[in-house]
PDB file of N, CA and C in Angstrom:
ATOM      1  N   MET A   1     -59.933  29.385 -25.164  1.00  0.00           N
ATOM      2  CA  MET A   1     -58.477  29.328 -25.099  1.00  0.00           C
ATOM      3  C   MET A   1     -57.986  28.198 -25.990  1.00  0.00           C
ATOM      4  N   ALA A   2     -56.910  28.424 -26.721  1.00  0.00           N
ATOM      5  CA  ALA A   2     -56.409  27.467 -27.698  1.00  0.00           C
ATOM      6  C   ALA A   2     -55.519  26.391 -27.088  1.00  0.00           C
ATOM      7  N   GLY A   3     -55.146  26.505 -25.846  1.00  0.00           N
ATOM      8  CA  GLY A   3     -54.236  25.527 -25.257  1.00  0.00           C
ATOM      9  C   GLY A   3     -52.789  25.952 -25.441  1.00  0.00           C
ATOM     10  N   SER A   4     -51.891  25.149 -24.910  1.00  0.00           N
ATOM     11  CA  SER A   4     -50.472  25.519 -24.985  1.00  0.00           C
ATOM     12  C   SER A   4     -49.914  25.256 -26.382  1.00  0.00           C
ATOM     13  N   PHE A   5     -48.926  26.024 -26.738  1.00  0.00           N
ATOM     14  CA  PHE A   5     -48.307  25.929 -28.057  1.00  0.00           C
ATOM     15  C   PHE A   5     -47.414  24.698 -28.118  1.00  0.00           C
ATOM     16  N   PRO A   6     -47.554  23.864 -29.146  1.00  0.00           N
ATOM     17  CA  PRO A   6     -46.779  22.627 -29.253  1.00  0.00           C
ATOM     18  C   PRO A   6     -45.379  22.863 -29.838  1.00  0.00           C
ATOM     19  N   LEU A   7     -44.530  23.559 -29.098  1.00  0.00           N
ATOM     20  CA  LEU A   7     -43.218  23.952 -29.616  1.00  0.00           C
ATOM     21  C   LEU A   7     -42.381  22.759 -30.061  1.00  0.00           C
ATOM     22  N   THR A   8     -42.344  21.699 -29.266  1.00  0.00           N
ATOM     23  CA  THR A   8     -41.532  20.535 -29.634  1.00  0.00           C
ATOM     24  C   THR A   8     -41.972  19.961 -30.971  1.00  0.00           C
ATOM     25  N   ALA A   9     -43.266  19.800 -31.162  1.00  0.00           N
ATOM     26  CA  ALA A   9     -43.785  19.255 -32.421  1.00  0.00           C
ATOM     27  C   ALA A   9     -43.479  20.184 -33.595  1.00  0.00           C
ATOM     28  N   VAL A  10     -43.579  21.485 -33.383  1.00  0.00           N
ATOM     29  CA  VAL A  10     -43.298  22.452 -34.446  1.00  0.00           C
ATOM     30  C   VAL A  10     -41.823  22.413 -34.833  1.00  0.00           C
ATOM     31  N   LEU A  11     -40.939  22.331 -33.845  1.00  0.00           N
ATOM     32  CA  LEU A  11     -39.501  22.243 -34.137  1.00  0.00           C
ATOM     33  C   LEU A  11     -39.165  20.950 -34.874  1.00  0.00           C
ATOM     34  N   GLU A  12     -39.774  19.847 -34.448  1.00  0.00           N
ATOM     35  CA  GLU A  12     -39.545  18.573 -35.142  1.00  0.00           C
ATOM     36  C   GLU A  12     -39.994  18.659 -36.593  1.00  0.00           C
ATOM     37  N   GLN A  13     -41.124  19.308 -36.834  1.00  0.00           N
ATOM     38  CA  GLN A  13     -41.620  19.472 -38.201  1.00  0.00           C
ATOM     39  C   GLN A  13     -40.666  20.341 -39.021  1.00  0.00           C
ATOM     40  N   ALA A  14     -40.183  21.422 -38.428  1.00  0.00           N
ATOM     41  CA  ALA A  14     -39.279  22.330 -39.153  1.00  0.00           C
ATOM     42  C   ALA A  14     -38.017  21.603 -39.588  1.00  0.00           C
ATOM     43  N   VAL A  15     -37.501  20.749 -38.742  1.00  0.00           N
ATOM     44  CA  VAL A  15     -36.276  20.015 -39.068  1.00  0.00           C
ATOM     45  C   VAL A  15     -36.558  18.936 -40.101  1.00  0.00           C
ATOM     46  N   ARG A  16     -37.707  18.314 -40.008  1.00  0.00           N
ATOM     47  CA  ARG A  16     -38.067  17.211 -40.907  1.00  0.00           C
ATOM     48  C   ARG A  16     -38.446  17.718 -42.296  1.00  0.00           C
ATOM     49  N   ASP A  17     -39.128  18.851 -42.374  1.00  0.00           N
ATOM     50  CA  ASP A  17     -39.736  19.291 -43.624  1.00  0.00           C
ATOM     51  C   ASP A  17     -38.869  20.157 -44.522  1.00  0.00           C
ATOM     52  N   GLY A  18     -37.832  20.780 -44.002  1.00  0.00           N
ATOM     53  CA  GLY A  18     -37.163  21.736 -44.864  1.00  0.00           C
ATOM     54  C   GLY A  18     -35.689  21.872 -44.626  1.00  0.00           C
ATOM     55  N   SER A  19     -35.146  22.874 -45.235  1.00  0.00           N
ATOM     56  CA  SER A  19     -33.751  23.226 -45.073  1.00  0.00           C
ATOM     57  C   SER A  19     -33.549  23.726 -43.644  1.00  0.00           C
ATOM     58  N   VAL A  20     -32.641  23.112 -42.932  1.00  0.00           N
ATOM     59  CA  VAL A  20     -32.467  23.457 -41.519  1.00  0.00           C
ATOM     60  C   VAL A  20     -31.517  24.649 -41.406  1.00  0.00           C
ATOM     61  N   THR A  21     -32.083  25.816 -41.607  1.00  0.00           N
ATOM     62  CA  THR A  21     -31.353  27.063 -41.403  1.00  0.00           C
ATOM     63  C   THR A  21     -32.065  27.814 -40.281  1.00  0.00           C
ATOM     64  N   PRO A  22     -31.361  28.681 -39.576  1.00  0.00           N
ATOM     65  CA  PRO A  22     -32.042  29.471 -38.544  1.00  0.00           C
ATOM     66  C   PRO A  22     -33.243  30.237 -39.093  1.00  0.00           C
ATOM     67  N   GLN A  23     -33.122  30.767 -40.295  1.00  0.00           N
ATOM     68  CA  GLN A  23     -34.215  31.531 -40.884  1.00  0.00           C
ATOM     69  C   GLN A  23     -35.443  30.653 -41.119  1.00  0.00           C
ATOM     70  N   TYR A  24     -35.225  29.440 -41.618  1.00  0.00           N
ATOM     71  CA  TYR A  24     -36.345  28.541 -41.889  1.00  0.00           C
ATOM     72  C   TYR A  24     -37.026  28.113 -40.593  1.00  0.00           C
ATOM     73  N   VAL A  25     -36.228  27.764 -39.592  1.00  0.00           N
ATOM     74  CA  VAL A  25     -36.792  27.353 -38.309  1.00  0.00           C
ATOM     75  C   VAL A  25     -37.589  28.498 -37.702  1.00  0.00           C
ATOM     76  N   LEU A  26     -37.036  29.696 -37.700  1.00  0.00           N
ATOM     77  CA  LEU A  26     -37.732  30.860 -37.156  1.00  0.00           C
ATOM     78  C   LEU A  26     -39.033  31.125 -37.903  1.00  0.00           C
ATOM     79  N   HIS A  27     -38.981  31.083 -39.229  1.00  0.00           N
ATOM     80  CA  HIS A  27     -40.185  31.301 -40.035  1.00  0.00           C
ATOM     81  C   HIS A  27     -41.253  30.264 -39.704  1.00  0.00           C
ATOM     82  N   THR A  28     -40.862  28.999 -39.617  1.00  0.00           N
ATOM     83  CA  THR A  28     -41.814  27.921 -39.328  1.00  0.00           C
ATOM     84  C   THR A  28     -42.457  28.099 -37.957  1.00  0.00           C
ATOM     85  N   VAL A  29     -41.640  28.367 -36.939  1.00  0.00           N
ATOM     86  CA  VAL A  29     -42.164  28.540 -35.581  1.00  0.00           C
ATOM     87  C   VAL A  29     -43.088  29.755 -35.523  1.00  0.00           C
ATOM     88  N   PHE A  30     -42.678  30.862 -36.102  1.00  0.00           N
ATOM     89  CA  PHE A  30     -43.487  32.077 -36.033  1.00  0.00           C
ATOM     90  C   PHE A  30     -44.809  31.916 -36.787  1.00  0.00           C
ATOM     91  N   ALA A  31     -44.763  31.293 -37.966  1.00  0.00           N
ATOM     92  CA  ALA A  31     -45.992  31.079 -38.739  1.00  0.00           C
ATOM     93  C   ALA A  31     -46.964  30.189 -37.973  1.00  0.00           C
ATOM     94  N   ARG A  32     -46.465  29.129 -37.377  1.00  0.00           N
ATOM     95  CA  ARG A  32     -47.337  28.230 -36.599  1.00  0.00           C
ATOM     96  C   ARG A  32     -47.869  28.930 -35.346  1.00  0.00           C
ATOM     97  N   LEU A  33     -47.041  29.778 -34.721  1.00  0.00           N
ATOM     98  CA  LEU A  33     -47.492  30.516 -33.547  1.00  0.00           C
ATOM     99  C   LEU A  33     -48.628  31.472 -33.910  1.00  0.00           C
ATOM    100  N   LEU A  34     -48.487  32.163 -35.028  1.00  0.00           N
ATOM    101  CA  LEU A  34     -49.552  33.074 -35.462  1.00  0.00           C
ATOM    102  C   LEU A  34     -50.839  32.320 -35.772  1.00  0.00           C
ATOM    103  N   ARG A  35     -50.703  31.146 -36.388  1.00  0.00           N
ATOM    104  CA  ARG A  35     -51.883  30.318 -36.663  1.00  0.00           C
ATOM    105  C   ARG A  35     -52.519  29.856 -35.350  1.00  0.00           C
ATOM    106  N   HIS A  36     -51.683  29.471 -34.392  1.00  0.00           N
ATOM    107  CA  HIS A  36     -52.154  28.981 -33.095  1.00  0.00           C
ATOM    108  C   HIS A  36     -52.909  30.067 -32.321  1.00  0.00           C
ATOM    109  N   THR A  37     -52.430  31.298 -32.429  1.00  0.00           N
ATOM    110  CA  THR A  37     -53.028  32.399 -31.664  1.00  0.00           C
ATOM    111  C   THR A  37     -54.062  33.188 -32.463  1.00  0.00           C
ATOM    112  N   GLY A  38     -54.343  32.777 -33.677  1.00  0.00           N
ATOM    113  CA  GLY A  38     -55.296  33.524 -34.491  1.00  0.00           C
ATOM    114  C   GLY A  38     -54.699  34.811 -35.026  1.00  0.00           C
ATOM    115  N   GLY A  39     -53.385  34.884 -35.109  1.00  0.00           N
ATOM    116  CA  GLY A  39     -52.717  36.050 -35.674  1.00  0.00           C
ATOM    117  C   GLY A  39     -52.347  37.122 -34.683  1.00  0.00           C
ATOM    118  N   ARG A  40     -52.713  36.940 -33.407  1.00  0.00           N
ATOM    119  CA  ARG A  40     -52.440  37.966 -32.411  1.00  0.00           C
ATOM    120  C   ARG A  40     -51.979  37.326 -31.109  1.00  0.00           C
ATOM    121  N   PRO A  41     -50.660  37.149 -30.928  1.00  0.00           N
ATOM    122  CA  PRO A  41     -50.181  36.615 -29.650  1.00  0.00           C
ATOM    123  C   PRO A  41     -50.598  37.531 -28.505  1.00  0.00           C
ATOM    124  N   ALA A  42     -50.983  36.938 -27.381  1.00  0.00           N
ATOM    125  CA  ALA A  42     -51.453  37.709 -26.231  1.00  0.00           C
ATOM    126  C   ALA A  42     -50.302  38.300 -25.425  1.00  0.00           C
ATOM    127  N   ASP A  43     -49.085  37.919 -25.740  1.00  0.00           N
ATOM    128  CA  ASP A  43     -47.930  38.386 -24.978  1.00  0.00           C
ATOM    129  C   ASP A  43     -46.741  38.520 -25.923  1.00  0.00           C
ATOM    130  N   ASP A  44     -45.638  39.024 -25.390  1.00  0.00           N
ATOM    131  CA  ASP A  44     -44.415  39.130 -26.185  1.00  0.00           C
ATOM    132  C   ASP A  44     -43.903  37.741 -26.556  1.00  0.00           C
ATOM    133  N   VAL A  45     -43.163  37.677 -27.648  1.00  0.00           N
ATOM    134  CA  VAL A  45     -42.595  36.416 -28.120  1.00  0.00           C
ATOM    135  C   VAL A  45     -41.117  36.643 -28.391  1.00  0.00           C
ATOM    136  N   ALA A  46     -40.286  35.719 -27.920  1.00  0.00           N
ATOM    137  CA  ALA A  46     -38.858  35.759 -28.221  1.00  0.00           C
ATOM    138  C   ALA A  46     -38.415  34.357 -28.601  1.00  0.00           C
ATOM    139  N   VAL A  47     -37.708  34.256 -29.710  1.00  0.00           N
ATOM    140  CA  VAL A  47     -37.186  32.973 -30.171  1.00  0.00           C
ATOM    141  C   VAL A  47     -35.733  33.179 -30.560  1.00  0.00           C
ATOM    142  N   LEU A  48     -34.885  32.303 -30.075  1.00  0.00           N
ATOM    143  CA  LEU A  48     -33.464  32.333 -30.417  1.00  0.00           C
ATOM    144  C   LEU A  48     -33.128  31.023 -31.107  1.00  0.00           C
ATOM    145  N   VAL A  49     -32.611  31.115 -32.325  1.00  0.00           N
ATOM    146  CA  VAL A  49     -32.230  29.923 -33.083  1.00  0.00           C
ATOM    147  C   VAL A  49     -30.727  29.998 -33.316  1.00  0.00           C
ATOM    148  N   LEU A  50     -30.027  28.982 -32.870  1.00  0.00           N
ATOM    149  CA  LEU A  50     -28.575  28.924 -33.025  1.00  0.00           C
ATOM    150  C   LEU A  50     -28.191  27.822 -33.998  1.00  0.00           C
ATOM    151  N   ARG A  51     -27.122  28.045 -34.723  1.00  0.00           N
ATOM    152  CA  ARG A  51     -26.603  27.037 -35.638  1.00  0.00           C
ATOM    153  C   ARG A  51     -25.170  26.722 -35.223  1.00  0.00           C
ATOM    154  N   ASN A  52     -24.836  25.456 -35.181  1.00  0.00           N
ATOM    155  CA  ASN A  52     -23.498  25.009 -34.826  1.00  0.00           C
ATOM    156  C   ASN A  52     -22.796  24.566 -36.101  1.00  0.00           C
ATOM    157  N   ASP A  53     -21.866  25.384 -36.587  1.00  0.00           N
ATOM    158  CA  ASP A  53     -21.128  25.067 -37.809  1.00  0.00           C
ATOM    159  C   ASP A  53     -19.796  24.381 -37.536  1.00  0.00           C
ATOM    160  N   ARG A  54     -19.553  24.072 -36.261  1.00  0.00           N
ATOM    161  CA  ARG A  54     -18.289  23.436 -35.933  1.00  0.00           C
ATOM    162  C   ARG A  54     -18.254  22.013 -36.464  1.00  0.00           C
ATOM    163  N   THR A  55     -17.075  21.562 -36.809  1.00  0.00           N
ATOM    164  CA  THR A  55     -16.880  20.195 -37.264  1.00  0.00           C
ATOM    165  C   THR A  55     -16.876  19.269 -36.064  1.00  0.00           C
ATOM    166  N   ARG A  56     -17.600  18.183 -36.180  1.00  0.00           N
ATOM    167  CA  ARG A  56     -17.665  17.222 -35.084  1.00  0.00           C
ATOM    168  C   ARG A  56     -16.354  16.450 -35.019  1.00  0.00           C
ATOM    169  N   VAL A  57     -15.785  16.368 -33.820  1.00  0.00           N
ATOM    170  CA  VAL A  57     -14.535  15.653 -33.604  1.00  0.00           C
ATOM    171  C   VAL A  57     -14.852  14.413 -32.784  1.00  0.00           C
ATOM    172  N   VAL A  58     -14.404  13.266 -33.286  1.00  0.00           N
ATOM    173  CA  VAL A  58     -14.659  12.011 -32.592  1.00  0.00           C
ATOM    174  C   VAL A  58     -13.772  11.932 -31.357  1.00  0.00           C
ATOM    175  N   ARG A  59     -14.382  11.559 -30.234  1.00  0.00           N
ATOM    176  CA  ARG A  59     -13.644  11.430 -28.971  1.00  0.00           C
ATOM    177  C   ARG A  59     -12.694  10.257 -29.068  1.00  0.00           C
ATOM    178  N   GLN A  60     -11.469  10.477 -28.635  1.00  0.00           N
ATOM    179  CA  GLN A  60     -10.455   9.428 -28.625  1.00  0.00           C
ATOM    180  C   GLN A  60     -10.625   8.552 -27.391  1.00  0.00           C
ATOM    181  N   ALA A  61     -10.229   7.298 -27.489  1.00  0.00           N
ATOM    182  CA  ALA A  61     -10.310   6.367 -26.360  1.00  0.00           C
ATOM    183  C   ALA A  61      -9.533   6.936 -25.175  1.00  0.00           C
ATOM    184  N   GLY A  62     -10.125   6.903 -24.005  1.00  0.00           N
ATOM    185  CA  GLY A  62      -9.474   7.394 -22.795  1.00  0.00           C
ATOM    186  C   GLY A  62      -9.636   8.879 -22.558  1.00  0.00           C
ATOM    187  N   GLU A  63     -10.152   9.595 -23.547  1.00  0.00           N
ATOM    188  CA  GLU A  63     -10.341  11.037 -23.396  1.00  0.00           C
ATOM    189  C   GLU A  63     -11.607  11.284 -22.572  1.00  0.00           C
ATOM    190  N   PRO A  64     -11.562  12.220 -21.608  1.00  0.00           N
ATOM    191  CA  PRO A  64     -12.754  12.471 -20.793  1.00  0.00           C
ATOM    192  C   PRO A  64     -13.898  13.021 -21.636  1.00  0.00           C
ATOM    193  N   VAL A  65     -15.112  12.745 -21.227  1.00  0.00           N
ATOM    194  CA  VAL A  65     -16.300  13.254 -21.908  1.00  0.00           C
ATOM    195  C   VAL A  65     -16.479  14.719 -21.542  1.00  0.00           C
ATOM    196  N   GLY A  66     -16.898  15.528 -22.489  1.00  0.00           N
ATOM    197  CA  GLY A  66     -17.086  16.954 -22.233  1.00  0.00           C
ATOM    198  C   GLY A  66     -15.894  17.734 -22.743  1.00  0.00           C
ATOM    199  N   HIS A  67     -15.597  18.833 -22.072  1.00  0.00           N
ATOM    200  CA  HIS A  67     -14.471  19.669 -22.486  1.00  0.00           C
ATOM    201  C   HIS A  67     -13.165  18.936 -22.259  1.00  0.00           C
ATOM    202  N   ARG A  68     -12.210  19.250 -23.077  1.00  0.00           N
ATOM    203  CA  ARG A  68     -10.893  18.618 -22.907  1.00  0.00           C
ATOM    204  C   ARG A  68     -10.309  19.019 -21.560  1.00  0.00           C
ATOM    205  N   ALA A  69      -9.800  18.043 -20.869  1.00  0.00           N
ATOM    206  CA  ALA A  69      -9.198  18.314 -19.566  1.00  0.00           C
ATOM    207  C   ALA A  69      -7.838  18.962 -19.757  1.00  0.00           C
ATOM    208  N   HIS A  70      -7.537  19.955 -18.966  1.00  0.00           N
ATOM    209  CA  HIS A  70      -6.238  20.627 -19.016  1.00  0.00           C
ATOM    210  C   HIS A  70      -5.476  20.276 -17.744  1.00  0.00           C
ATOM    211  N   ARG A  71      -4.245  19.870 -17.921  1.00  0.00           N
ATOM    212  CA  ARG A  71      -3.421  19.531 -16.768  1.00  0.00           C
ATOM    213  C   ARG A  71      -2.656  20.754 -16.319  1.00  0.00           C
ATOM    214  N   LEU A  72      -2.637  20.969 -15.031  1.00  0.00           N
ATOM    215  CA  LEU A  72      -1.831  22.046 -14.461  1.00  0.00           C
ATOM    216  C   LEU A  72      -0.530  21.428 -14.021  1.00  0.00           C
ATOM    217  N   THR A  73       0.562  21.817 -14.657  1.00  0.00           N
ATOM    218  CA  THR A  73       1.880  21.266 -14.277  1.00  0.00           C
ATOM    219  C   THR A  73       2.811  22.357 -13.876  1.00  0.00           C
TER     220      THR A  73
END
């Protein structure tokens, strides 16, 4: 048995080594998984890679952390 798959280390490598696109991350994880399993995973595999293209907004002083609070008036 090859042991458990080092997903955290593989993701860290994908982010460090290349262009951080969903396609690149997926390719890196899948290639390493195939190498880890000898080319034949023993079970189904599902990977979801999301990209956040939203612009980061700096929190204003006094604003609650998390979602903006809505007042009911």
